[in-house]
Amino acid sequence: MNDGVLVIDQAGIVRTINPEYTRITGVTPDIIGKPLVSYRPGARLPETLASGKSQVGVYRKTHDREYVVDMAPVVVNDEIVGAVSVCKSLNEVQLLTLELEKQRQKVKELQERMSALHRVRYTFDDIIRAESNMQDIVSIAKKTAATDLPVLIGGESGTGKELFAHAIHHASLRSDKPFIAVNCSAIPSDLIENELFGHFEGVLYSKPVIGKAGLFEMADGGTLFLDEIGDLSLDVQAKLLRVLQEGAIRRVGEVEERRVDVRIIASTHRDLQQLITKGLFRNDLLYRLNTIDLQIPPLRERKRKFPSLHNLY
């Protein structure tokens, strides 16, 4: 052991000490076989022996040595038959405390960086809405923000679907929680399940596997924006449907379910009804997602607000 250990019996006689105890306290092995109180009158271990109560983090100083001691009774068949003292040099405690503080600071910095990465960048004020149809859509989106209902945003590429997702989250009661966006078409189909749901921690083929939280767990309490949801495989769609129904996810390779509180905002430029006809999208998932349907008009129908784009149409 790296800690110092001293053991006394029922009569308070020292039965053993280890080399670390000598190094930390300066007490030599000739104490063995002698009453602890006669060798060290200020010892607190006899109190533990008499009371049967543990003592934790007791500060001790002997000459120029400082250390911290934990003490506990030794109980066999409900009878106190001795007591044990375990000590650690104060310098070692200070070093451990310093290292722990460094790790806490690193965790704090990582959390702050993650928070910055998952903070919304747009609000409803950033949406240009000169046309009446855009004004109507923004009005519906603002009312949507006050709910926790799933939102499906449709529209051609480049119409601002993600901008609407940011704005809805910013105006919601979840605005101080994570907003995590993932482009479902940009992640290979064999990796998307791991990304969304995470994977288990344990041992596989005699090798340790480090667990990983998925995006659902990272977005817990906030909003997960699934961009281009029409590109998800049917297997992943089935798991997503379960999340919407049960509010729980299961990491890949795990049996246990984990509760999550996540609002889903999804978007697509594809015709999901057509995908359903082709057997590429689940009708029940569309039913769950389509609680609120926002269809963003293409830019060519909004070009009078963009004079520089006139020549494109």
C-alpha atoms as a PDB file:
ATOM      1  CA  MET A   1       0.000   0.000   0.000  1.00  0.00           C
ATOM      2  CA  ASN A   2       1.058   3.594  -0.555  1.00  0.00           C
ATOM      3  CA  ASP A   3      -0.654   4.579   2.700  1.00  0.00           C
ATOM      4  CA  GLY A   4       0.738   4.095   6.163  1.00  0.00           C
ATOM      5  CA  VAL A   5      -1.043   1.429   8.258  1.00  0.00           C
ATOM      6  CA  LEU A   6      -0.986   0.739  12.015  1.00  0.00           C
ATOM      7  CA  VAL A   7      -3.118  -1.912  13.725  1.00  0.00           C
ATOM      8  CA  ILE A   8      -3.881  -2.357  17.418  1.00  0.00           C
ATOM      9  CA  ASP A   9      -5.646  -5.268  19.074  1.00  0.00           C
ATOM     10  CA  GLN A  10      -8.516  -5.269  21.581  1.00  0.00           C
ATOM     11  CA  ALA A  11      -6.118  -4.371  24.401  1.00  0.00           C
ATOM     12  CA  GLY A  12      -4.625  -1.427  22.533  1.00  0.00           C
ATOM     13  CA  ILE A  13      -1.352  -3.254  21.770  1.00  0.00           C
ATOM     14  CA  VAL A  14       0.291  -2.406  18.455  1.00  0.00           C
ATOM     15  CA  ARG A  15       0.302  -5.549  16.327  1.00  0.00           C
ATOM     16  CA  THR A  16       1.758  -4.281  13.059  1.00  0.00           C
ATOM     17  CA  ILE A  17       2.852  -1.262  11.078  1.00  0.00           C
ATOM     18  CA  ASN A  18       3.968  -1.124   7.467  1.00  0.00           C
ATOM     19  CA  PRO A  19       7.040   0.654   6.029  1.00  0.00           C
ATOM     20  CA  GLU A  20       4.918   3.518   4.704  1.00  0.00           C
ATOM     21  CA  TYR A  21       3.714   4.263   8.234  1.00  0.00           C
ATOM     22  CA  THR A  22       7.326   4.657   9.332  1.00  0.00           C
ATOM     23  CA  ARG A  23       8.119   6.878   6.346  1.00  0.00           C
ATOM     24  CA  ILE A  24       5.117   9.154   6.903  1.00  0.00           C
ATOM     25  CA  THR A  25       5.085   9.390  10.731  1.00  0.00           C
ATOM     26  CA  GLY A  26       8.638   8.550  11.738  1.00  0.00           C
ATOM     27  CA  VAL A  27       7.378   5.784  14.082  1.00  0.00           C
ATOM     28  CA  THR A  28       9.730   2.778  13.938  1.00  0.00           C
ATOM     29  CA  PRO A  29       8.819  -0.937  14.111  1.00  0.00           C
ATOM     30  CA  ASP A  30       9.989  -1.209  17.737  1.00  0.00           C
ATOM     31  CA  ILE A  31       6.517   0.060  18.703  1.00  0.00           C
ATOM     32  CA  ILE A  32       5.112  -3.354  17.780  1.00  0.00           C
ATOM     33  CA  GLY A  33       4.059  -5.325  20.885  1.00  0.00           C
ATOM     34  CA  LYS A  34       3.730  -2.210  23.027  1.00  0.00           C
ATOM     35  CA  PRO A  35       0.645  -0.272  24.157  1.00  0.00           C
ATOM     36  CA  LEU A  36       0.021   2.537  21.684  1.00  0.00           C
ATOM     37  CA  VAL A  37      -0.878   5.066  24.388  1.00  0.00           C
ATOM     38  CA  SER A  38       2.408   4.563  26.254  1.00  0.00           C
ATOM     39  CA  TYR A  39       4.422   5.144  23.083  1.00  0.00           C
ATOM     40  CA  ARG A  40       2.192   7.881  21.658  1.00  0.00           C
ATOM     41  CA  PRO A  41       0.146   9.519  24.460  1.00  0.00           C
ATOM     42  CA  GLY A  42      -1.815  11.756  22.066  1.00  0.00           C
ATOM     43  CA  ALA A  43      -2.939   8.948  19.788  1.00  0.00           C
ATOM     44  CA  ARG A  44      -6.625   9.050  18.770  1.00  0.00           C
ATOM     45  CA  LEU A  45      -6.887   5.422  17.695  1.00  0.00           C
ATOM     46  CA  PRO A  46      -7.784   4.175  21.216  1.00  0.00           C
ATOM     47  CA  GLU A  47     -10.875   6.451  21.030  1.00  0.00           C
ATOM     48  CA  THR A  48     -12.013   4.575  17.934  1.00  0.00           C
ATOM     49  CA  LEU A  49     -11.333   1.276  19.703  1.00  0.00           C
ATOM     50  CA  ALA A  50     -13.436   2.329  22.702  1.00  0.00           C
ATOM     51  CA  SER A  51     -16.329   3.969  20.822  1.00  0.00           C
ATOM     52  CA  GLY A  52     -16.468   1.782  17.731  1.00  0.00           C
ATOM     53  CA  LYS A  53     -16.864   4.942  15.629  1.00  0.00           C
ATOM     54  CA  SER A  54     -14.695   5.755  12.642  1.00  0.00           C
ATOM     55  CA  GLN A  55     -12.788   9.023  12.348  1.00  0.00           C
ATOM     56  CA  VAL A  56     -11.978  10.471   8.946  1.00  0.00           C
ATOM     57  CA  GLY A  57      -9.468  13.128   7.885  1.00  0.00           C
ATOM     58  CA  VAL A  58      -7.889  13.723  11.304  1.00  0.00           C
ATOM     59  CA  TYR A  59      -4.957  16.136  11.026  1.00  0.00           C
ATOM     60  CA  ARG A  60      -1.811  15.094  12.922  1.00  0.00           C
ATOM     61  CA  LYS A  61       1.584  16.713  13.329  1.00  0.00           C
ATOM     62  CA  THR A  62       4.603  15.005  14.884  1.00  0.00           C
ATOM     63  CA  HIS A  63       7.755  17.119  14.981  1.00  0.00           C
ATOM     64  CA  ASP A  64       8.196  18.269  11.360  1.00  0.00           C
ATOM     65  CA  ARG A  65       5.831  15.662   9.884  1.00  0.00           C
ATOM     66  CA  GLU A  66       2.245  16.487   8.914  1.00  0.00           C
ATOM     67  CA  TYR A  67      -0.256  13.899   7.798  1.00  0.00           C
ATOM     68  CA  VAL A  68      -3.946  13.023   7.652  1.00  0.00           C
ATOM     69  CA  VAL A  69      -5.339   9.909   9.352  1.00  0.00           C
ATOM     70  CA  ASP A  70      -8.454   7.792   8.873  1.00  0.00           C
ATOM     71  CA  MET A  71      -9.325   5.430  11.757  1.00  0.00           C
ATOM     72  CA  ALA A  72     -11.828   2.577  11.964  1.00  0.00           C
ATOM     73  CA  PRO A  73     -12.659  -0.288  14.321  1.00  0.00           C
ATOM     74  CA  VAL A  74     -11.963  -3.875  13.264  1.00  0.00           C
ATOM     75  CA  VAL A  75     -15.149  -5.877  13.813  1.00  0.00           C
ATOM     76  CA  VAL A  76     -15.379  -9.686  13.714  1.00  0.00           C
ATOM     77  CA  ASN A  77     -18.674 -11.445  14.458  1.00  0.00           C
ATOM     78  CA  ASP A  78     -20.143  -8.180  15.782  1.00  0.00           C
ATOM     79  CA  GLU A  79     -17.262  -7.802  18.261  1.00  0.00           C
ATOM     80  CA  ILE A  80     -14.635  -5.052  18.146  1.00  0.00           C
ATOM     81  CA  VAL A  81     -11.322  -6.898  18.151  1.00  0.00           C
ATOM     82  CA  GLY A  82      -9.048  -4.001  17.321  1.00  0.00           C
ATOM     83  CA  ALA A  83      -8.657  -0.811  15.310  1.00  0.00           C
ATOM     84  CA  VAL A  84      -6.723   0.301  12.248  1.00  0.00           C
ATOM     85  CA  SER A  85      -5.167   3.644  11.395  1.00  0.00           C
ATOM     86  CA  VAL A  86      -4.458   4.587   7.766  1.00  0.00           C
ATOM     87  CA  CYS A  87      -2.451   7.747   7.138  1.00  0.00           C
ATOM     88  CA  LYS A  88      -1.282   9.768   4.161  1.00  0.00           C
ATOM     89  CA  SER A  89       1.364  12.467   4.076  1.00  0.00           C
ATOM     90  CA  LEU A  90      -0.154  15.931   3.934  1.00  0.00           C
ATOM     91  CA  ASN A  91       2.115  16.776   1.030  1.00  0.00           C
ATOM     92  CA  GLU A  92       0.622  13.844  -0.887  1.00  0.00           C
ATOM     93  CA  VAL A  93      -2.884  14.971   0.050  1.00  0.00           C
ATOM     94  CA  GLN A  94      -2.085  18.472  -1.158  1.00  0.00           C
ATOM     95  CA  LEU A  95      -0.715  17.129  -4.430  1.00  0.00           C
ATOM     96  CA  LEU A  96      -3.806  14.987  -4.943  1.00  0.00           C
ATOM     97  CA  THR A  97      -6.046  17.939  -4.123  1.00  0.00           C
ATOM     98  CA  LEU A  98      -4.131  20.120  -6.578  1.00  0.00           C
ATOM     99  CA  GLU A  99      -4.400  17.480  -9.295  1.00  0.00           C
ATOM    100  CA  LEU A 100      -8.118  17.084  -8.613  1.00  0.00           C
ATOM    101  CA  GLU A 101      -8.582  20.844  -8.883  1.00  0.00           C
ATOM    102  CA  LYS A 102      -6.711  20.847 -12.201  1.00  0.00           C
ATOM    103  CA  GLN A 103      -8.989  18.108 -13.531  1.00  0.00           C
ATOM    104  CA  ARG A 104     -12.066  19.991 -12.324  1.00  0.00           C
ATOM    105  CA  GLN A 105     -10.833  23.086 -14.126  1.00  0.00           C
ATOM    106  CA  LYS A 106     -10.297  21.100 -17.317  1.00  0.00           C
ATOM    107  CA  VAL A 107     -13.818  19.686 -17.072  1.00  0.00           C
ATOM    108  CA  LYS A 108     -15.183  23.186 -16.520  1.00  0.00           C
ATOM    109  CA  GLU A 109     -13.312  24.517 -19.558  1.00  0.00           C
ATOM    110  CA  LEU A 110     -14.544  21.622 -21.704  1.00  0.00           C
ATOM    111  CA  GLN A 111     -18.104  22.240 -20.538  1.00  0.00           C
ATOM    112  CA  GLU A 112     -17.786  25.923 -21.416  1.00  0.00           C
ATOM    113  CA  ARG A 113     -16.384  25.063 -24.845  1.00  0.00           C
ATOM    114  CA  MET A 114     -19.168  22.541 -25.453  1.00  0.00           C
ATOM    115  CA  SER A 115     -21.729  25.120 -24.363  1.00  0.00           C
ATOM    116  CA  ALA A 116     -20.260  27.646 -26.799  1.00  0.00           C
ATOM    117  CA  LEU A 117     -20.335  25.101 -29.619  1.00  0.00           C
ATOM    118  CA  HIS A 118     -23.959  24.244 -28.944  1.00  0.00           C
ATOM    119  CA  ARG A 119     -25.243  27.782 -28.494  1.00  0.00           C
ATOM    120  CA  VAL A 120     -27.733  29.128 -31.026  1.00  0.00           C
ATOM    121  CA  ARG A 121     -26.418  31.631 -33.524  1.00  0.00           C
ATOM    122  CA  TYR A 122     -29.676  32.975 -34.933  1.00  0.00           C
ATOM    123  CA  THR A 123     -32.926  34.431 -33.630  1.00  0.00           C
ATOM    124  CA  PHE A 124     -36.188  35.408 -35.296  1.00  0.00           C
ATOM    125  CA  ASP A 125     -34.740  38.909 -35.766  1.00  0.00           C
ATOM    126  CA  ASP A 126     -32.270  37.435 -38.257  1.00  0.00           C
ATOM    127  CA  ILE A 127     -35.020  36.156 -40.549  1.00  0.00           C
ATOM    128  CA  ILE A 128     -35.885  38.413 -43.474  1.00  0.00           C
ATOM    129  CA  ARG A 129     -39.644  38.307 -43.833  1.00  0.00           C
ATOM    130  CA  ALA A 130     -40.847  41.079 -46.125  1.00  0.00           C
ATOM    131  CA  GLU A 131     -43.328  38.816 -47.877  1.00  0.00           C
ATOM    132  CA  SER A 132     -46.633  38.078 -46.167  1.00  0.00           C
ATOM    133  CA  ASN A 133     -46.167  34.320 -46.434  1.00  0.00           C
ATOM    134  CA  MET A 134     -42.836  34.557 -44.587  1.00  0.00           C
ATOM    135  CA  GLN A 135     -44.417  36.728 -41.930  1.00  0.00           C
ATOM    136  CA  ASP A 136     -47.083  34.068 -41.417  1.00  0.00           C
ATOM    137  CA  ILE A 137     -44.480  31.304 -41.130  1.00  0.00           C
ATOM    138  CA  VAL A 138     -42.442  33.276 -38.595  1.00  0.00           C
ATOM    139  CA  SER A 139     -45.593  33.952 -36.585  1.00  0.00           C
ATOM    140  CA  ILE A 140     -46.389  30.218 -36.482  1.00  0.00           C
ATOM    141  CA  ALA A 141     -42.778  29.403 -35.594  1.00  0.00           C
ATOM    142  CA  LYS A 142     -42.854  31.849 -32.657  1.00  0.00           C
ATOM    143  CA  LYS A 143     -45.992  30.192 -31.300  1.00  0.00           C
ATOM    144  CA  THR A 144     -44.330  26.809 -31.833  1.00  0.00           C
ATOM    145  CA  ALA A 145     -41.352  27.888 -29.733  1.00  0.00           C
ATOM    146  CA  ALA A 146     -43.552  28.110 -26.654  1.00  0.00           C
ATOM    147  CA  THR A 147     -44.315  24.368 -26.852  1.00  0.00           C
ATOM    148  CA  ASP A 148     -42.260  21.184 -26.626  1.00  0.00           C
ATOM    149  CA  LEU A 149     -43.894  19.635 -29.693  1.00  0.00           C
ATOM    150  CA  PRO A 150     -41.743  18.158 -32.470  1.00  0.00           C
ATOM    151  CA  VAL A 151     -41.334  20.402 -35.499  1.00  0.00           C
ATOM    152  CA  LEU A 152     -40.812  19.354 -39.110  1.00  0.00           C
ATOM    153  CA  ILE A 153     -39.321  22.041 -41.352  1.00  0.00           C
ATOM    154  CA  GLY A 154     -39.553  21.511 -45.091  1.00  0.00           C
ATOM    155  CA  GLY A 155     -38.122  23.472 -47.975  1.00  0.00           C
ATOM    156  CA  GLU A 156     -35.527  23.495 -50.670  1.00  0.00           C
ATOM    157  CA  SER A 157     -31.826  23.608 -49.873  1.00  0.00           C
ATOM    158  CA  GLY A 158     -30.654  27.073 -48.874  1.00  0.00           C
ATOM    159  CA  THR A 159     -34.032  28.400 -47.727  1.00  0.00           C
ATOM    160  CA  GLY A 160     -32.964  28.799 -44.077  1.00  0.00           C
ATOM    161  CA  LYS A 161     -34.340  25.681 -42.397  1.00  0.00           C
ATOM    162  CA  GLU A 162     -31.525  25.560 -39.834  1.00  0.00           C
ATOM    163  CA  LEU A 163     -31.950  29.275 -39.168  1.00  0.00           C
ATOM    164  CA  PHE A 164     -35.564  28.591 -38.182  1.00  0.00           C
ATOM    165  CA  ALA A 165     -34.455  25.728 -35.925  1.00  0.00           C
ATOM    166  CA  HIS A 166     -32.000  28.029 -34.119  1.00  0.00           C
ATOM    167  CA  ALA A 167     -34.634  30.721 -33.738  1.00  0.00           C
ATOM    168  CA  ILE A 168     -37.257  28.327 -32.352  1.00  0.00           C
ATOM    169  CA  HIS A 169     -34.831  27.011 -29.743  1.00  0.00           C
ATOM    170  CA  HIS A 170     -33.709  30.527 -28.810  1.00  0.00           C
ATOM    171  CA  ALA A 171     -37.306  31.601 -28.182  1.00  0.00           C
ATOM    172  CA  SER A 172     -38.207  28.455 -26.220  1.00  0.00           C
ATOM    173  CA  LEU A 173     -38.046  27.662 -22.509  1.00  0.00           C
ATOM    174  CA  ARG A 174     -35.056  25.457 -23.354  1.00  0.00           C
ATOM    175  CA  SER A 175     -32.951  28.363 -24.594  1.00  0.00           C
ATOM    176  CA  ASP A 176     -30.418  27.971 -21.758  1.00  0.00           C
ATOM    177  CA  LYS A 177     -29.955  24.283 -22.585  1.00  0.00           C
ATOM    178  CA  PRO A 178     -27.945  22.690 -25.427  1.00  0.00           C
ATOM    179  CA  PHE A 179     -28.887  23.117 -29.054  1.00  0.00           C
ATOM    180  CA  ILE A 180     -27.232  20.356 -31.065  1.00  0.00           C
ATOM    181  CA  ALA A 181     -27.484  20.165 -34.834  1.00  0.00           C
ATOM    182  CA  VAL A 182     -26.556  17.113 -36.881  1.00  0.00           C
ATOM    183  CA  ASN A 183     -26.693  16.693 -40.635  1.00  0.00           C
ATOM    184  CA  CYS A 184     -28.021  13.170 -41.112  1.00  0.00           C
ATOM    185  CA  SER A 185     -26.847  13.045 -44.719  1.00  0.00           C
ATOM    186  CA  ALA A 186     -23.235  13.930 -43.826  1.00  0.00           C
ATOM    187  CA  ILE A 187     -22.641  10.941 -41.502  1.00  0.00           C
ATOM    188  CA  PRO A 188     -22.199   7.439 -42.988  1.00  0.00           C
ATOM    189  CA  SER A 189     -25.197   5.215 -42.346  1.00  0.00           C
ATOM    190  CA  ASP A 190     -23.116   2.716 -40.358  1.00  0.00           C
ATOM    191  CA  LEU A 191     -22.001   5.468 -37.935  1.00  0.00           C
ATOM    192  CA  ILE A 192     -25.149   7.568 -37.498  1.00  0.00           C
ATOM    193  CA  GLU A 193     -26.637   5.216 -34.873  1.00  0.00           C
ATOM    194  CA  ASN A 194     -23.510   5.524 -32.701  1.00  0.00           C
ATOM    195  CA  GLU A 195     -23.536   9.292 -33.123  1.00  0.00           C
ATOM    196  CA  LEU A 196     -27.179   9.672 -32.119  1.00  0.00           C
ATOM    197  CA  PHE A 197     -27.462   7.074 -29.351  1.00  0.00           C
ATOM    198  CA  GLY A 198     -23.875   6.448 -28.209  1.00  0.00           C
ATOM    199  CA  HIS A 199     -22.388   3.054 -27.430  1.00  0.00           C
ATOM    200  CA  PHE A 200     -21.841   0.860 -24.400  1.00  0.00           C
ATOM    201  CA  GLU A 201     -18.931   0.744 -21.975  1.00  0.00           C
ATOM    202  CA  GLY A 202     -17.525  -2.631 -21.020  1.00  0.00           C
ATOM    203  CA  VAL A 203     -15.391  -5.435 -22.362  1.00  0.00           C
ATOM    204  CA  LEU A 204     -15.600  -6.783 -25.907  1.00  0.00           C
ATOM    205  CA  TYR A 205     -13.435  -9.695 -27.042  1.00  0.00           C
ATOM    206  CA  SER A 206     -11.336  -9.332 -23.856  1.00  0.00           C
ATOM    207  CA  LYS A 207     -10.629  -5.676 -24.634  1.00  0.00           C
ATOM    208  CA  PRO A 208     -12.036  -2.722 -22.673  1.00  0.00           C
ATOM    209  CA  VAL A 209     -14.444  -0.501 -24.588  1.00  0.00           C
ATOM    210  CA  ILE A 210     -14.802   3.140 -23.565  1.00  0.00           C
ATOM    211  CA  GLY A 211     -18.430   4.195 -23.477  1.00  0.00           C
ATOM    212  CA  LYS A 212     -19.619   7.208 -25.415  1.00  0.00           C
ATOM    213  CA  ALA A 213     -22.640   9.416 -24.921  1.00  0.00           C
ATOM    214  CA  GLY A 214     -24.635  10.068 -28.069  1.00  0.00           C
ATOM    215  CA  LEU A 215     -26.098  13.340 -29.268  1.00  0.00           C
ATOM    216  CA  PHE A 216     -29.421  12.608 -27.563  1.00  0.00           C
ATOM    217  CA  GLU A 217     -27.711  12.455 -24.171  1.00  0.00           C
ATOM    218  CA  MET A 218     -25.659  15.558 -24.956  1.00  0.00           C
ATOM    219  CA  ALA A 219     -28.855  17.421 -25.879  1.00  0.00           C
ATOM    220  CA  ASP A 220     -30.723  16.321 -22.732  1.00  0.00           C
ATOM    221  CA  GLY A 221     -32.927  19.181 -21.560  1.00  0.00           C
ATOM    222  CA  GLY A 222     -32.455  21.024 -24.838  1.00  0.00           C
ATOM    223  CA  THR A 223     -33.092  20.633 -28.558  1.00  0.00           C
ATOM    224  CA  LEU A 224     -31.725  18.201 -31.141  1.00  0.00           C
ATOM    225  CA  PHE A 225     -31.963  19.433 -34.733  1.00  0.00           C
ATOM    226  CA  LEU A 226     -31.955  16.567 -37.228  1.00  0.00           C
ATOM    227  CA  ASP A 227     -31.156  18.137 -40.575  1.00  0.00           C
ATOM    228  CA  GLU A 228     -32.029  16.104 -43.695  1.00  0.00           C
ATOM    229  CA  ILE A 229     -33.918  13.489 -41.686  1.00  0.00           C
ATOM    230  CA  GLY A 230     -35.121  11.915 -44.915  1.00  0.00           C
ATOM    231  CA  ASP A 231     -31.670  10.349 -45.330  1.00  0.00           C
ATOM    232  CA  LEU A 232     -31.896   8.233 -42.165  1.00  0.00           C
ATOM    233  CA  SER A 233     -32.011   4.457 -42.593  1.00  0.00           C
ATOM    234  CA  LEU A 234     -35.184   2.610 -41.628  1.00  0.00           C
ATOM    235  CA  ASP A 235     -33.413   0.995 -38.642  1.00  0.00           C
ATOM    236  CA  VAL A 236     -32.429   4.359 -37.202  1.00  0.00           C
ATOM    237  CA  GLN A 237     -35.890   5.725 -37.973  1.00  0.00           C
ATOM    238  CA  ALA A 238     -37.372   2.959 -35.807  1.00  0.00           C
ATOM    239  CA  LYS A 239     -35.122   3.922 -32.880  1.00  0.00           C
ATOM    240  CA  LEU A 240     -35.948   7.582 -33.346  1.00  0.00           C
ATOM    241  CA  LEU A 241     -39.649   6.744 -33.264  1.00  0.00           C
ATOM    242  CA  ARG A 242     -39.132   4.987 -29.924  1.00  0.00           C
ATOM    243  CA  VAL A 243     -37.424   8.069 -28.493  1.00  0.00           C
ATOM    244  CA  LEU A 244     -40.392  10.199 -29.515  1.00  0.00           C
ATOM    245  CA  GLN A 245     -42.829   7.690 -28.001  1.00  0.00           C
ATOM    246  CA  GLU A 246     -41.021   6.689 -24.805  1.00  0.00           C
ATOM    247  CA  GLY A 247     -38.574   9.527 -24.090  1.00  0.00           C
ATOM    248  CA  ALA A 248     -35.765   6.994 -23.674  1.00  0.00           C
ATOM    249  CA  ILE A 249     -32.719   5.875 -25.639  1.00  0.00           C
ATOM    250  CA  ARG A 250     -30.613   2.738 -25.567  1.00  0.00           C
ATOM    251  CA  ARG A 251     -26.923   2.959 -26.348  1.00  0.00           C
ATOM    252  CA  VAL A 252     -25.640   0.591 -29.018  1.00  0.00           C
ATOM    253  CA  GLY A 253     -24.706  -2.664 -27.276  1.00  0.00           C
ATOM    254  CA  GLU A 254     -26.596  -1.897 -24.064  1.00  0.00           C
ATOM    255  CA  VAL A 255     -29.808  -3.354 -22.657  1.00  0.00           C
ATOM    256  CA  GLU A 256     -30.551  -0.618 -20.132  1.00  0.00           C
ATOM    257  CA  GLU A 257     -32.554   2.375 -21.302  1.00  0.00           C
ATOM    258  CA  ARG A 258     -31.665   5.951 -20.406  1.00  0.00           C
ATOM    259  CA  ARG A 259     -34.298   8.647 -19.994  1.00  0.00           C
ATOM    260  CA  VAL A 260     -33.789  11.787 -22.062  1.00  0.00           C
ATOM    261  CA  ASP A 261     -35.741  15.017 -22.288  1.00  0.00           C
ATOM    262  CA  VAL A 262     -35.067  16.285 -25.787  1.00  0.00           C
ATOM    263  CA  ARG A 263     -37.141  18.346 -28.173  1.00  0.00           C
ATOM    264  CA  ILE A 264     -36.811  17.241 -31.797  1.00  0.00           C
ATOM    265  CA  ILE A 265     -36.721  19.672 -34.673  1.00  0.00           C
ATOM    266  CA  ALA A 266     -36.264  17.948 -38.013  1.00  0.00           C
ATOM    267  CA  SER A 267     -35.836  19.264 -41.524  1.00  0.00           C
ATOM    268  CA  THR A 268     -35.717  17.900 -45.043  1.00  0.00           C
ATOM    269  CA  HIS A 269     -35.655  19.091 -48.634  1.00  0.00           C
ATOM    270  CA  ARG A 270     -37.153  15.784 -49.775  1.00  0.00           C
ATOM    271  CA  ASP A 271     -40.786  14.784 -50.237  1.00  0.00           C
ATOM    272  CA  LEU A 272     -41.324  12.442 -47.274  1.00  0.00           C
ATOM    273  CA  GLN A 273     -44.708  11.246 -48.553  1.00  0.00           C
ATOM    274  CA  GLN A 274     -42.993  10.124 -51.733  1.00  0.00           C
ATOM    275  CA  LEU A 275     -40.311   8.357 -49.670  1.00  0.00           C
ATOM    276  CA  ILE A 276     -43.060   6.582 -47.714  1.00  0.00           C
ATOM    277  CA  THR A 277     -44.572   5.357 -50.993  1.00  0.00           C
ATOM    278  CA  LYS A 278     -41.172   3.962 -51.963  1.00  0.00           C
ATOM    279  CA  GLY A 279     -40.767   2.270 -48.575  1.00  0.00           C
ATOM    280  CA  LEU A 280     -37.845   4.513 -47.596  1.00  0.00           C
ATOM    281  CA  PHE A 281     -39.501   6.406 -44.749  1.00  0.00           C
ATOM    282  CA  ARG A 282     -41.776   5.301 -41.931  1.00  0.00           C
ATOM    283  CA  ASN A 283     -45.300   6.669 -42.008  1.00  0.00           C
ATOM    284  CA  ASP A 284     -45.612   6.447 -38.200  1.00  0.00           C
ATOM    285  CA  LEU A 285     -42.422   8.500 -37.761  1.00  0.00           C
ATOM    286  CA  LEU A 286     -43.742  11.175 -40.104  1.00  0.00           C
ATOM    287  CA  TYR A 287     -46.956  11.210 -38.063  1.00  0.00           C
ATOM    288  CA  ARG A 288     -44.935  11.844 -34.875  1.00  0.00           C
ATOM    289  CA  LEU A 289     -42.703  14.503 -36.427  1.00  0.00           C
ATOM    290  CA  ASN A 290     -45.387  16.316 -38.359  1.00  0.00           C
ATOM    291  CA  THR A 291     -47.154  17.730 -35.310  1.00  0.00           C
ATOM    292  CA  ILE A 292     -46.095  21.162 -36.499  1.00  0.00           C
ATOM    293  CA  ASP A 293     -45.184  21.507 -40.191  1.00  0.00           C
ATOM    294  CA  LEU A 294     -43.306  24.588 -41.375  1.00  0.00           C
ATOM    295  CA  GLN A 295     -42.798  24.844 -45.131  1.00  0.00           C
ATOM    296  CA  ILE A 296     -40.230  27.511 -46.006  1.00  0.00           C
ATOM    297  CA  PRO A 297     -40.796  29.069 -49.467  1.00  0.00           C
ATOM    298  CA  PRO A 298     -37.878  28.980 -51.928  1.00  0.00           C
ATOM    299  CA  LEU A 299     -35.714  32.062 -52.429  1.00  0.00           C
ATOM    300  CA  ARG A 300     -37.072  32.650 -55.936  1.00  0.00           C
ATOM    301  CA  GLU A 301     -40.427  33.481 -54.344  1.00  0.00           C
ATOM    302  CA  ARG A 302     -38.750  35.963 -52.006  1.00  0.00           C
ATOM    303  CA  LYS A 303     -36.359  37.614 -54.454  1.00  0.00           C
ATOM    304  CA  ARG A 304     -37.830  41.129 -54.270  1.00  0.00           C
ATOM    305  CA  LYS A 305     -36.158  41.424 -50.882  1.00  0.00           C
ATOM    306  CA  PHE A 306     -32.859  40.379 -52.465  1.00  0.00           C
ATOM    307  CA  PRO A 307     -32.138  42.782 -55.358  1.00  0.00           C
ATOM    308  CA  SER A 308     -28.695  41.241 -55.906  1.00  0.00           C
ATOM    309  CA  LEU A 309     -30.333  37.882 -56.676  1.00  0.00           C
ATOM    310  CA  HIS A 310     -32.700  39.140 -59.378  1.00  0.00           C
ATOM    311  CA  ASN A 311     -30.406  38.117 -62.203  1.00  0.00           C
ATOM    312  CA  LEU A 312     -30.394  34.525 -60.978  1.00  0.00           C
ATOM    313  CA  TYR A 313     -34.063  33.996 -61.859  1.00  0.00           C
END
